[in-house]
Amino acid sequence: KERMAATGEMTVAARNQKIASEEDLDSFLEACVRL
C-alpha cells in the first residue's frame, strides 16, 4: 500500500483501501505475486 501511494502503480480502490477478511488479504497478496 505504501509503494502504491508513492508510485501510483496500482490502487486498492475496489476495496476502498480496506481488506475486510483474511481471505481478502490472501486474495490481494496472491494477485500481487502474480502481478
ModelCIF file with pLDDT and N, C-alpha, C, O atoms, coordinates in Angstrom:
data_MODEL
#
_entry.id   MODEL 
#
_entity.id                         1 
_entity.type                       polymer 
_entity.pdbx_number_of_molecules   1 
#
_entity_poly.entity_id                      1 
_entity_poly.type                           'polypeptide(L)' 
_entity_poly.nstd_linkage                   no 
_entity_poly.nstd_monomer                   no 
_entity_poly.pdbx_seq_one_letter_code       KERMAATGEMTVAARNQKIASEEDLDSFLEACVRL 
_entity_poly.pdbx_seq_one_letter_code_can   KERMAATGEMTVAARNQKIASEEDLDSFLEACVRL 
_entity_poly.pdbx_strand_id                 A 
#
loop_
_entity_poly_seq.entity_id 
_entity_poly_seq.num 
_entity_poly_seq.mon_id 
_entity_poly_seq.hetero 
1 1  LYS n 
1 2  GLU n 
1 3  ARG n 
1 4  MET n 
1 5  ALA n 
1 6  ALA n 
1 7  THR n 
1 8  GLY n 
1 9  GLU n 
1 10 MET n 
1 11 THR n 
1 12 VAL n 
1 13 ALA n 
1 14 ALA n 
1 15 ARG n 
1 16 ASN n 
1 17 GLN n 
1 18 LYS n 
1 19 ILE n 
1 20 ALA n 
1 21 SER n 
1 22 GLU n 
1 23 GLU n 
1 24 ASP n 
1 25 LEU n 
1 26 ASP n 
1 27 SER n 
1 28 PHE n 
1 29 LEU n 
1 30 GLU n 
1 31 ALA n 
1 32 CYS n 
1 33 VAL n 
1 34 ARG n 
1 35 LEU n 
#
_struct_asym.id          A 
_struct_asym.entity_id   1 
#
loop_
_ma_qa_metric.id 
_ma_qa_metric.mode 
_ma_qa_metric.name 
_ma_qa_metric.software_group_id 
_ma_qa_metric.type 
1 global pLDDT . pLDDT 
2 local  pLDDT . pLDDT 
#
_ma_qa_metric_global.metric_id      1 
_ma_qa_metric_global.metric_value   75.74 
_ma_qa_metric_global.model_id       1 
_ma_qa_metric_global.ordinal_id     1 
#
loop_
_ma_qa_metric_local.label_asym_id 
_ma_qa_metric_local.label_comp_id 
_ma_qa_metric_local.label_seq_id 
_ma_qa_metric_local.metric_id 
_ma_qa_metric_local.metric_value 
_ma_qa_metric_local.model_id 
_ma_qa_metric_local.ordinal_id 
A LYS 1  2 85.00 1 1  
A GLU 2  2 88.00 1 2  
A ARG 3  2 86.00 1 3  
A MET 4  2 82.00 1 4  
A ALA 5  2 80.00 1 5  
A ALA 6  2 83.00 1 6  
A THR 7  2 79.00 1 7  
A GLY 8  2 73.00 1 8  
A GLU 9  2 69.00 1 9  
A MET 10 2 68.00 1 10 
A THR 11 2 60.00 1 11 
A VAL 12 2 59.00 1 12 
A ALA 13 2 53.00 1 13 
A ALA 14 2 49.00 1 14 
A ARG 15 2 52.00 1 15 
A ASN 16 2 58.00 1 16 
A GLN 17 2 60.00 1 17 
A LYS 18 2 70.00 1 18 
A ILE 19 2 78.00 1 19 
A ALA 20 2 79.00 1 20 
A SER 21 2 83.00 1 21 
A GLU 22 2 83.00 1 22 
A GLU 23 2 83.00 1 23 
A ASP 24 2 83.00 1 24 
A LEU 25 2 84.00 1 25 
A ASP 26 2 84.00 1 26 
A SER 27 2 82.00 1 27 
A PHE 28 2 84.00 1 28 
A LEU 29 2 85.00 1 29 
A GLU 30 2 83.00 1 30 
A ALA 31 2 81.00 1 31 
A CYS 32 2 83.00 1 32 
A VAL 33 2 82.00 1 33 
A ARG 34 2 80.00 1 34 
A LEU 35 2 80.00 1 35 
#
loop_
_atom_site.group_PDB 
_atom_site.id 
_atom_site.type_symbol 
_atom_site.label_atom_id 
_atom_site.label_alt_id 
_atom_site.label_comp_id 
_atom_site.label_asym_id 
_atom_site.label_entity_id 
_atom_site.label_seq_id 
_atom_site.pdbx_PDB_ins_code 
_atom_site.Cartn_x 
_atom_site.Cartn_y 
_atom_site.Cartn_z 
_atom_site.occupancy 
_atom_site.B_iso_or_equiv 
_atom_site.pdbx_formal_charge 
_atom_site.auth_seq_id 
_atom_site.auth_comp_id 
_atom_site.auth_asym_id 
_atom_site.auth_atom_id 
_atom_site.pdbx_PDB_model_num 
ATOM 1   N N  . LYS A 1 1  ? 0.835   -1.210  0.000   1.00 85.00 ? 1  LYS A N  1 
ATOM 2   C CA . LYS A 1 1  ? 0.000   0.000   0.000   1.00 85.00 ? 1  LYS A CA 1 
ATOM 3   C C  . LYS A 1 1  ? 0.869   1.258   0.000   1.00 85.00 ? 1  LYS A C  1 
ATOM 4   O O  . LYS A 1 1  ? 0.564   2.231   -0.690  1.00 85.00 ? 1  LYS A O  1 
ATOM 5   N N  . GLU A 1 2  ? 1.949   1.231   0.777   1.00 88.00 ? 2  GLU A N  1 
ATOM 6   C CA . GLU A 1 2  ? 2.870   2.374   0.819   1.00 88.00 ? 2  GLU A CA 1 
ATOM 7   C C  . GLU A 1 2  ? 3.517   2.604   -0.549  1.00 88.00 ? 2  GLU A C  1 
ATOM 8   O O  . GLU A 1 2  ? 3.650   3.743   -0.998  1.00 88.00 ? 2  GLU A O  1 
ATOM 9   N N  . ARG A 1 3  ? 3.918   1.510   -1.207  1.00 86.00 ? 3  ARG A N  1 
ATOM 10  C CA . ARG A 1 3  ? 4.509   1.650   -2.537  1.00 86.00 ? 3  ARG A CA 1 
ATOM 11  C C  . ARG A 1 3  ? 3.477   2.193   -3.526  1.00 86.00 ? 3  ARG A C  1 
ATOM 12  O O  . ARG A 1 3  ? 3.801   3.038   -4.361  1.00 86.00 ? 3  ARG A O  1 
ATOM 13  N N  . MET A 1 4  ? 2.234   1.710   -3.432  1.00 82.00 ? 4  MET A N  1 
ATOM 14  C CA . MET A 1 4  ? 1.180   2.194   -4.329  1.00 82.00 ? 4  MET A CA 1 
ATOM 15  C C  . MET A 1 4  ? 1.001   3.696   -4.168  1.00 82.00 ? 4  MET A C  1 
ATOM 16  O O  . MET A 1 4  ? 0.843   4.416   -5.153  1.00 82.00 ? 4  MET A O  1 
ATOM 17  N N  . ALA A 1 5  ? 1.026   4.168   -2.928  1.00 80.00 ? 5  ALA A N  1 
ATOM 18  C CA . ALA A 1 5  ? 0.857   5.594   -2.680  1.00 80.00 ? 5  ALA A CA 1 
ATOM 19  C C  . ALA A 1 5  ? 2.026   6.394   -3.248  1.00 80.00 ? 5  ALA A C  1 
ATOM 20  O O  . ALA A 1 5  ? 1.844   7.499   -3.758  1.00 80.00 ? 5  ALA A O  1 
ATOM 21  N N  . ALA A 1 6  ? 3.226   5.825   -3.154  1.00 83.00 ? 6  ALA A N  1 
ATOM 22  C CA . ALA A 1 6  ? 4.419   6.532   -3.616  1.00 83.00 ? 6  ALA A CA 1 
ATOM 23  C C  . ALA A 1 6  ? 4.560   6.523   -5.135  1.00 83.00 ? 6  ALA A C  1 
ATOM 24  O O  . ALA A 1 6  ? 5.004   7.506   -5.729  1.00 83.00 ? 6  ALA A O  1 
ATOM 25  N N  . THR A 1 7  ? 4.178   5.403   -5.765  1.00 79.00 ? 7  THR A N  1 
ATOM 26  C CA . THR A 1 7  ? 4.425   5.265   -7.205  1.00 79.00 ? 7  THR A CA 1 
ATOM 27  C C  . THR A 1 7  ? 3.181   5.417   -8.061  1.00 79.00 ? 7  THR A C  1 
ATOM 28  O O  . THR A 1 7  ? 3.282   5.729   -9.247  1.00 79.00 ? 7  THR A O  1 
ATOM 29  N N  . GLY A 1 8  ? 1.999   5.201   -7.474  1.00 73.00 ? 8  GLY A N  1 
ATOM 30  C CA . GLY A 1 8  ? 0.765   5.257   -8.257  1.00 73.00 ? 8  GLY A CA 1 
ATOM 31  C C  . GLY A 1 8  ? 0.629   4.087   -9.208  1.00 73.00 ? 8  GLY A C  1 
ATOM 32  O O  . GLY A 1 8  ? -0.171  4.149   -10.142 1.00 73.00 ? 8  GLY A O  1 
ATOM 33  N N  . GLU A 1 9  ? 1.405   2.997   -8.994  1.00 69.00 ? 9  GLU A N  1 
ATOM 34  C CA . GLU A 1 9  ? 1.374   1.839   -9.888  1.00 69.00 ? 9  GLU A CA 1 
ATOM 35  C C  . GLU A 1 9  ? -0.002  1.193   -9.978  1.00 69.00 ? 9  GLU A C  1 
ATOM 36  O O  . GLU A 1 9  ? -0.438  0.788   -11.056 1.00 69.00 ? 9  GLU A O  1 
ATOM 37  N N  . MET A 1 10 ? -0.672  1.102   -8.853  1.00 68.00 ? 10 MET A N  1 
ATOM 38  C CA . MET A 1 10 ? -1.991  0.480   -8.830  1.00 68.00 ? 10 MET A CA 1 
ATOM 39  C C  . MET A 1 10 ? -2.742  1.009   -7.625  1.00 68.00 ? 10 MET A C  1 
ATOM 40  O O  . MET A 1 10 ? -2.174  1.700   -6.779  1.00 68.00 ? 10 MET A O  1 
ATOM 41  N N  . THR A 1 11 ? -4.005  0.686   -7.554  1.00 60.00 ? 11 THR A N  1 
ATOM 42  C CA . THR A 1 11 ? -4.802  1.144   -6.425  1.00 60.00 ? 11 THR A CA 1 
ATOM 43  C C  . THR A 1 11 ? -5.563  -0.017  -5.822  1.00 60.00 ? 11 THR A C  1 
ATOM 44  O O  . THR A 1 11 ? -5.676  -1.082  -6.429  1.00 60.00 ? 11 THR A O  1 
ATOM 45  N N  . VAL A 1 12 ? -6.078  0.191   -4.636  1.00 59.00 ? 12 VAL A N  1 
ATOM 46  C CA . VAL A 1 12 ? -6.942  -0.779  -3.987  1.00 59.00 ? 12 VAL A CA 1 
ATOM 47  C C  . VAL A 1 12 ? -8.333  -0.154  -3.938  1.00 59.00 ? 12 VAL A C  1 
ATOM 48  O O  . VAL A 1 12 ? -9.099  -0.394  -3.005  1.00 59.00 ? 12 VAL A O  1 
ATOM 49  N N  . ALA A 1 13 ? -8.649  0.647   -4.948  1.00 53.00 ? 13 ALA A N  1 
ATOM 50  C CA . ALA A 1 13 ? -9.894  1.414   -4.960  1.00 53.00 ? 13 ALA A CA 1 
ATOM 51  C C  . ALA A 1 13 ? -11.120 0.520   -4.851  1.00 53.00 ? 13 ALA A C  1 
ATOM 52  O O  . ALA A 1 13 ? -12.098 0.878   -4.195  1.00 53.00 ? 13 ALA A O  1 
ATOM 53  N N  . ALA A 1 14 ? -11.069 -0.631  -5.487  1.00 49.00 ? 14 ALA A N  1 
ATOM 54  C CA . ALA A 1 14 ? -12.238 -1.508  -5.457  1.00 49.00 ? 14 ALA A CA 1 
ATOM 55  C C  . ALA A 1 14 ? -12.553 -1.962  -4.041  1.00 49.00 ? 14 ALA A C  1 
ATOM 56  O O  . ALA A 1 14 ? -13.694 -2.313  -3.740  1.00 49.00 ? 14 ALA A O  1 
ATOM 57  N N  . ARG A 1 15 ? -11.567 -1.958  -3.183  1.00 52.00 ? 15 ARG A N  1 
ATOM 58  C CA . ARG A 1 15 ? -11.777 -2.371  -1.797  1.00 52.00 ? 15 ARG A CA 1 
ATOM 59  C C  . ARG A 1 15 ? -11.831 -1.165  -0.872  1.00 52.00 ? 15 ARG A C  1 
ATOM 60  O O  . ARG A 1 15 ? -11.826 -1.327  0.349   1.00 52.00 ? 15 ARG A O  1 
ATOM 61  N N  . ASN A 1 16 ? -11.884 0.034   -1.425  1.00 58.00 ? 16 ASN A N  1 
ATOM 62  C CA . ASN A 1 16 ? -11.890 1.263   -0.633  1.00 58.00 ? 16 ASN A CA 1 
ATOM 63  C C  . ASN A 1 16 ? -10.707 1.299   0.324   1.00 58.00 ? 16 ASN A C  1 
ATOM 64  O O  . ASN A 1 16 ? -10.823 1.763   1.458   1.00 58.00 ? 16 ASN A O  1 
ATOM 65  N N  . GLN A 1 17 ? -9.565  0.801   -0.150  1.00 60.00 ? 17 GLN A N  1 
ATOM 66  C CA . GLN A 1 17 ? -8.321  0.795   0.628   1.00 60.00 ? 17 GLN A CA 1 
ATOM 67  C C  . GLN A 1 17 ? -8.419  -0.073  1.879   1.00 60.00 ? 17 GLN A C  1 
ATOM 68  O O  . GLN A 1 17 ? -7.641  0.115   2.814   1.00 60.00 ? 17 GLN A O  1 
ATOM 69  N N  . LYS A 1 18 ? -9.359  -1.021  1.918   1.00 70.00 ? 18 LYS A N  1 
ATOM 70  C CA . LYS A 1 18 ? -9.528  -1.856  3.102   1.00 70.00 ? 18 LYS A CA 1 
ATOM 71  C C  . LYS A 1 18 ? -9.548  -3.329  2.711   1.00 70.00 ? 18 LYS A C  1 
ATOM 72  O O  . LYS A 1 18 ? -9.965  -3.693  1.612   1.00 70.00 ? 18 LYS A O  1 
ATOM 73  N N  . ILE A 1 19 ? -9.100  -4.143  3.615   1.00 78.00 ? 19 ILE A N  1 
ATOM 74  C CA . ILE A 1 19 ? -9.175  -5.589  3.484   1.00 78.00 ? 19 ILE A CA 1 
ATOM 75  C C  . ILE A 1 19 ? -10.089 -6.056  4.612   1.00 78.00 ? 19 ILE A C  1 
ATOM 76  O O  . ILE A 1 19 ? -9.770  -5.885  5.789   1.00 78.00 ? 19 ILE A O  1 
ATOM 77  N N  . ALA A 1 20 ? -11.218 -6.643  4.249   1.00 79.00 ? 20 ALA A N  1 
ATOM 78  C CA . ALA A 1 20 ? -12.240 -6.972  5.234   1.00 79.00 ? 20 ALA A CA 1 
ATOM 79  C C  . ALA A 1 20 ? -11.988 -8.290  5.969   1.00 79.00 ? 20 ALA A C  1 
ATOM 80  O O  . ALA A 1 20 ? -12.435 -8.466  7.102   1.00 79.00 ? 20 ALA A O  1 
ATOM 81  N N  . SER A 1 21 ? -11.272 -9.215  5.323   1.00 83.00 ? 21 SER A N  1 
ATOM 82  C CA . SER A 1 21 ? -11.087 -10.520 5.954   1.00 83.00 ? 21 SER A CA 1 
ATOM 83  C C  . SER A 1 21 ? -9.726  -11.088 5.566   1.00 83.00 ? 21 SER A C  1 
ATOM 84  O O  . SER A 1 21 ? -9.038  -10.547 4.700   1.00 83.00 ? 21 SER A O  1 
ATOM 85  N N  . GLU A 1 22 ? -9.348  -12.183 6.215   1.00 83.00 ? 22 GLU A N  1 
ATOM 86  C CA . GLU A 1 22 ? -8.085  -12.830 5.872   1.00 83.00 ? 22 GLU A CA 1 
ATOM 87  C C  . GLU A 1 22 ? -8.130  -13.386 4.450   1.00 83.00 ? 22 GLU A C  1 
ATOM 88  O O  . GLU A 1 22 ? -7.113  -13.419 3.758   1.00 83.00 ? 22 GLU A O  1 
ATOM 89  N N  . GLU A 1 23 ? -9.311  -13.820 4.019   1.00 83.00 ? 23 GLU A N  1 
ATOM 90  C CA . GLU A 1 23 ? -9.446  -14.316 2.646   1.00 83.00 ? 23 GLU A CA 1 
ATOM 91  C C  . GLU A 1 23 ? -9.192  -13.195 1.639   1.00 83.00 ? 23 GLU A C  1 
ATOM 92  O O  . GLU A 1 23 ? -8.547  -13.409 0.613   1.00 83.00 ? 23 GLU A O  1 
ATOM 93  N N  . ASP A 1 24 ? -9.705  -11.992 1.940   1.00 83.00 ? 24 ASP A N  1 
ATOM 94  C CA . ASP A 1 24 ? -9.440  -10.829 1.088   1.00 83.00 ? 24 ASP A CA 1 
ATOM 95  C C  . ASP A 1 24 ? -7.937  -10.549 1.033   1.00 83.00 ? 24 ASP A C  1 
ATOM 96  O O  . ASP A 1 24 ? -7.376  -10.284 -0.030  1.00 83.00 ? 24 ASP A O  1 
ATOM 97  N N  . LEU A 1 25 ? -7.311  -10.615 2.189   1.00 84.00 ? 25 LEU A N  1 
ATOM 98  C CA . LEU A 1 25 ? -5.876  -10.360 2.276   1.00 84.00 ? 25 LEU A CA 1 
ATOM 99  C C  . LEU A 1 25 ? -5.105  -11.384 1.459   1.00 84.00 ? 25 LEU A C  1 
ATOM 100 O O  . LEU A 1 25 ? -4.200  -11.026 0.706   1.00 84.00 ? 25 LEU A O  1 
ATOM 101 N N  . ASP A 1 26 ? -5.460  -12.663 1.601   1.00 84.00 ? 26 ASP A N  1 
ATOM 102 C CA . ASP A 1 26 ? -4.803  -13.717 0.815   1.00 84.00 ? 26 ASP A CA 1 
ATOM 103 C C  . ASP A 1 26 ? -4.988  -13.488 -0.677  1.00 84.00 ? 26 ASP A C  1 
ATOM 104 O O  . ASP A 1 26 ? -4.036  -13.592 -1.451  1.00 84.00 ? 26 ASP A O  1 
ATOM 105 N N  . SER A 1 27 ? -6.211  -13.176 -1.078  1.00 82.00 ? 27 SER A N  1 
ATOM 106 C CA . SER A 1 27 ? -6.513  -12.943 -2.487  1.00 82.00 ? 27 SER A CA 1 
ATOM 107 C C  . SER A 1 27 ? -5.707  -11.772 -3.028  1.00 82.00 ? 27 SER A C  1 
ATOM 108 O O  . SER A 1 27 ? -5.137  -11.852 -4.116  1.00 82.00 ? 27 SER A O  1 
ATOM 109 N N  . PHE A 1 28 ? -5.659  -10.678 -2.262  1.00 84.00 ? 28 PHE A N  1 
ATOM 110 C CA . PHE A 1 28 ? -4.913  -9.496  -2.692  1.00 84.00 ? 28 PHE A CA 1 
ATOM 111 C C  . PHE A 1 28 ? -3.428  -9.816  -2.818  1.00 84.00 ? 28 PHE A C  1 
ATOM 112 O O  . PHE A 1 28 ? -2.803  -9.462  -3.819  1.00 84.00 ? 28 PHE A O  1 
ATOM 113 N N  . LEU A 1 29 ? -2.857  -10.480 -1.817  1.00 85.00 ? 29 LEU A N  1 
ATOM 114 C CA . LEU A 1 29 ? -1.426  -10.782 -1.847  1.00 85.00 ? 29 LEU A CA 1 
ATOM 115 C C  . LEU A 1 29 ? -1.083  -11.766 -2.960  1.00 85.00 ? 29 LEU A C  1 
ATOM 116 O O  . LEU A 1 29 ? -0.030  -11.642 -3.586  1.00 85.00 ? 29 LEU A O  1 
ATOM 117 N N  . GLU A 1 30 ? -1.954  -12.741 -3.218  1.00 83.00 ? 30 GLU A N  1 
ATOM 118 C CA . GLU A 1 30 ? -1.733  -13.662 -4.333  1.00 83.00 ? 30 GLU A CA 1 
ATOM 119 C C  . GLU A 1 30 ? -1.723  -12.897 -5.659  1.00 83.00 ? 30 GLU A C  1 
ATOM 120 O O  . GLU A 1 30 ? -0.895  -13.154 -6.532  1.00 83.00 ? 30 GLU A O  1 
ATOM 121 N N  . ALA A 1 31 ? -2.650  -11.962 -5.789  1.00 81.00 ? 31 ALA A N  1 
ATOM 122 C CA . ALA A 1 31 ? -2.687  -11.151 -7.007  1.00 81.00 ? 31 ALA A CA 1 
ATOM 123 C C  . ALA A 1 31 ? -1.410  -10.323 -7.136  1.00 81.00 ? 31 ALA A C  1 
ATOM 124 O O  . ALA A 1 31 ? -0.878  -10.176 -8.237  1.00 81.00 ? 31 ALA A O  1 
ATOM 125 N N  . CYS A 1 32 ? -0.921  -9.788  -6.036  1.00 83.00 ? 32 CYS A N  1 
ATOM 126 C CA . CYS A 1 32 ? 0.329   -9.008  -6.071  1.00 83.00 ? 32 CYS A CA 1 
ATOM 127 C C  . CYS A 1 32 ? 1.511   -9.874  -6.503  1.00 83.00 ? 32 CYS A C  1 
ATOM 128 O O  . CYS A 1 32 ? 2.395   -9.406  -7.220  1.00 83.00 ? 32 CYS A O  1 
ATOM 129 N N  . VAL A 1 33 ? 1.528   -11.137 -6.067  1.00 82.00 ? 33 VAL A N  1 
ATOM 130 C CA . VAL A 1 33 ? 2.577   -12.061 -6.513  1.00 82.00 ? 33 VAL A CA 1 
ATOM 131 C C  . VAL A 1 33 ? 2.464   -12.268 -8.018  1.00 82.00 ? 33 VAL A C  1 
ATOM 132 O O  . VAL A 1 33 ? 3.463   -12.198 -8.734  1.00 82.00 ? 33 VAL A O  1 
ATOM 133 N N  . ARG A 1 34 ? 1.241   -12.525 -8.501  1.00 80.00 ? 34 ARG A N  1 
ATOM 134 C CA . ARG A 1 34 ? 1.013   -12.756 -9.932  1.00 80.00 ? 34 ARG A CA 1 
ATOM 135 C C  . ARG A 1 34 ? 1.358   -11.529 -10.775 1.00 80.00 ? 34 ARG A C  1 
ATOM 136 O O  . ARG A 1 34 ? 1.835   -11.659 -11.902 1.00 80.00 ? 34 ARG A O  1 
ATOM 137 N N  . LEU A 1 35 ? 1.115   -10.343 -10.226 1.00 80.00 ? 35 LEU A N  1 
ATOM 138 C CA . LEU A 1 35 ? 1.419   -9.105  -10.952 1.00 80.00 ? 35 LEU A CA 1 
ATOM 139 C C  . LEU A 1 35 ? 2.906   -8.755  -10.879 1.00 80.00 ? 35 LEU A C  1 
ATOM 140 O O  . LEU A 1 35 ? 3.331   -7.744  -11.437 1.00 80.00 ? 35 LEU A O  1 
#
